[in-house]
Protein backbone atom coordinates (compact mmCIF):
# COMPACT_ATOMS: atom_id res chain seq x y z
CA MET A 1 94.65 110.29 84.77
CA SER A 2 95.88 111.28 88.34
CA ARG A 3 99.32 111.22 89.16
CA TYR A 4 99.01 108.03 91.49
CA GLN A 5 97.21 106.32 88.68
CA LEU A 6 100.10 107.29 86.24
CA ALA A 7 102.75 106.04 88.84
CA HIS A 8 101.34 102.59 89.24
CA GLU A 9 100.09 101.71 85.71
CA TYR A 10 103.06 99.89 84.77
CA LEU A 11 103.31 97.82 88.15
CA PRO A 12 105.21 94.58 87.76
CA PRO A 13 103.27 91.22 88.96
CA GLU A 14 103.21 90.43 92.60
CA ALA A 15 105.53 87.79 93.92
CA ASP A 16 104.45 84.22 94.51
CA VAL A 17 103.30 83.46 98.04
CA GLU A 18 105.94 80.94 98.37
CA GLN A 19 108.67 83.48 97.34
CA ALA A 20 107.17 85.90 100.09
CA GLU A 21 107.32 83.13 102.67
CA LYS A 22 110.97 82.51 102.14
CA VAL A 23 111.90 86.19 102.33
CA LYS A 24 109.83 85.98 105.80
CA ARG A 25 111.53 83.01 107.00
CA ALA A 26 115.04 84.18 105.88
CA CYS A 27 114.28 87.53 107.98
CA ASP A 28 113.01 85.47 110.97
CA TRP A 29 115.83 83.29 111.08
CA ASP A 30 118.59 85.71 110.60
CA LYS A 31 119.60 84.58 107.08
CA VAL A 32 119.97 87.96 105.42
CA ARG A 33 123.00 89.35 103.98
CA PHE A 34 122.89 93.06 103.14
CA GLY A 35 124.24 94.82 100.23
CA GLN A 36 126.44 97.73 100.32
CA SER A 37 123.47 100.23 99.74
CA ALA A 38 121.64 98.72 102.95
CA LYS A 39 124.65 98.69 105.14
CA GLN A 40 125.24 102.17 104.28
CA ASN A 41 121.78 103.52 104.70
CA LEU A 42 121.02 101.48 107.89
CA LEU A 43 123.48 102.65 110.02
CA HIS A 44 124.36 106.04 108.64
CA VAL A 45 121.31 107.63 107.12
CA TRP A 46 118.29 106.02 109.04
CA LYS A 47 120.09 104.95 112.28
CA ILE A 48 118.71 101.40 112.63
CA SER A 49 120.02 97.94 112.87
CA GLU A 50 119.92 95.25 110.58
CA THR A 51 117.49 93.50 113.06
CA GLN A 52 115.17 96.27 112.59
CA ILE A 53 115.14 96.21 108.87
CA ARG A 54 114.49 92.24 108.86
CA ASN A 55 111.96 92.78 111.36
CA ALA A 56 110.32 95.29 109.13
CA ILE A 57 110.39 93.14 106.11
CA SER A 58 109.24 90.31 108.20
CA ALA A 59 106.16 92.33 109.42
CA HIS A 60 105.53 93.70 105.96
CA ILE A 61 104.91 90.09 104.65
CA GLU A 62 103.01 88.99 107.63
CA GLN A 63 100.66 91.85 107.19
CA ARG A 64 100.16 90.58 103.84
CA ARG A 65 101.36 93.87 102.27
CA LYS A 66 102.39 93.93 98.55
CA VAL A 67 105.78 92.32 97.40
CA PHE A 68 106.72 92.45 93.63
CA LYS A 69 108.68 90.70 91.11
CA LYS A 70 111.41 92.94 89.78
CA TYR A 71 111.73 93.76 85.86
CA ALA A 72 115.30 93.79 84.56
CA SER A 73 116.72 97.21 84.18
CA GLU A 74 118.71 96.41 80.92
CA SER A 75 115.86 94.54 79.54
CA PRO A 76 112.31 96.00 80.52
CA GLY A 77 109.59 93.52 80.48
CA ILE A 78 111.79 90.56 81.37
CA LEU A 79 111.16 89.44 84.97
CA LEU A 80 114.24 88.51 87.10
CA PRO A 81 113.17 85.09 88.41
CA ASN A 82 114.89 85.64 91.87
CA ASN A 83 114.70 89.44 92.67
CA LEU A 84 111.71 90.83 94.56
CA GLN A 85 110.89 94.34 95.59
CA ALA A 86 108.52 96.16 97.94
CA ASN A 87 107.95 99.44 99.79
CA VAL A 88 108.72 98.73 103.48
CA SER A 89 107.95 100.89 106.41
CA ILE A 90 110.82 100.79 108.78
CA TYR A 91 109.51 103.25 111.45
CA ASP A 92 106.36 105.33 111.69
CA GLY A 93 106.40 107.91 108.63
CA LYS A 94 109.60 106.40 107.12
CA ASP A 95 109.40 103.79 104.32
CA VAL A 96 111.91 102.86 101.96
CA TYR A 97 112.46 100.74 98.74
CA VAL A 98 113.67 97.24 99.36
CA GLU A 99 115.06 94.65 96.84
CA MET A 100 115.16 91.07 98.00
CA ILE A 101 117.25 88.53 96.01
CA LEU A 102 116.52 85.01 96.70
CA THR A 103 119.22 82.30 96.61
CA GLU A 104 119.07 78.41 96.33
CA LYS A 105 119.35 78.15 100.06
CA ILE A 106 117.57 79.87 102.68
CA PHE A 107 119.70 82.93 102.35
CA ILE A 108 118.42 86.09 100.66
CA ILE A 109 120.53 89.41 100.08
CA VAL A 110 118.82 92.53 100.49
CA ASN A 111 119.50 95.91 99.06
CA ALA A 112 117.52 99.00 100.59
CA HIS A 113 117.55 102.83 99.55
CA GLU A 114 115.53 105.89 99.45
CA HIS A 115 112.84 106.02 96.89
CA MET A 116 114.61 107.50 93.83
CA THR A 117 111.55 109.06 92.02
CA ILE A 118 107.85 110.05 92.89
CA ARG A 119 106.86 106.63 91.68
CA ARG A 120 106.67 104.29 94.88
CA LEU A 121 105.49 100.77 94.97
CA PRO A 122 102.04 100.52 96.83
CA GLN A 123 102.05 98.63 100.18
């Protein structure tokens, strides 16, 4: 079994189309709030604006790239009902892990950071 197969063997299920569309609308309508990890990385590490990451997330969904549901870290096997995750390209040659937390309203919360392991979500 290759390293690629092993890394993707335990992928969570993909997000529902409605959930992905809600994320896209929030990004398109500037209804995104950024978590501390995203704020830190956007400005100081990746040197991009909040608008650029919103546009990257929106383009990711528009291009029908993969968005996954997220498992609870403290209870593996339990899906978090409002948390999604994706491997999003923010510019040529640079992709990052993005977590999107849906709220009851149109707002979403985005956390983003470098990939922590060799296990990346497929696009």
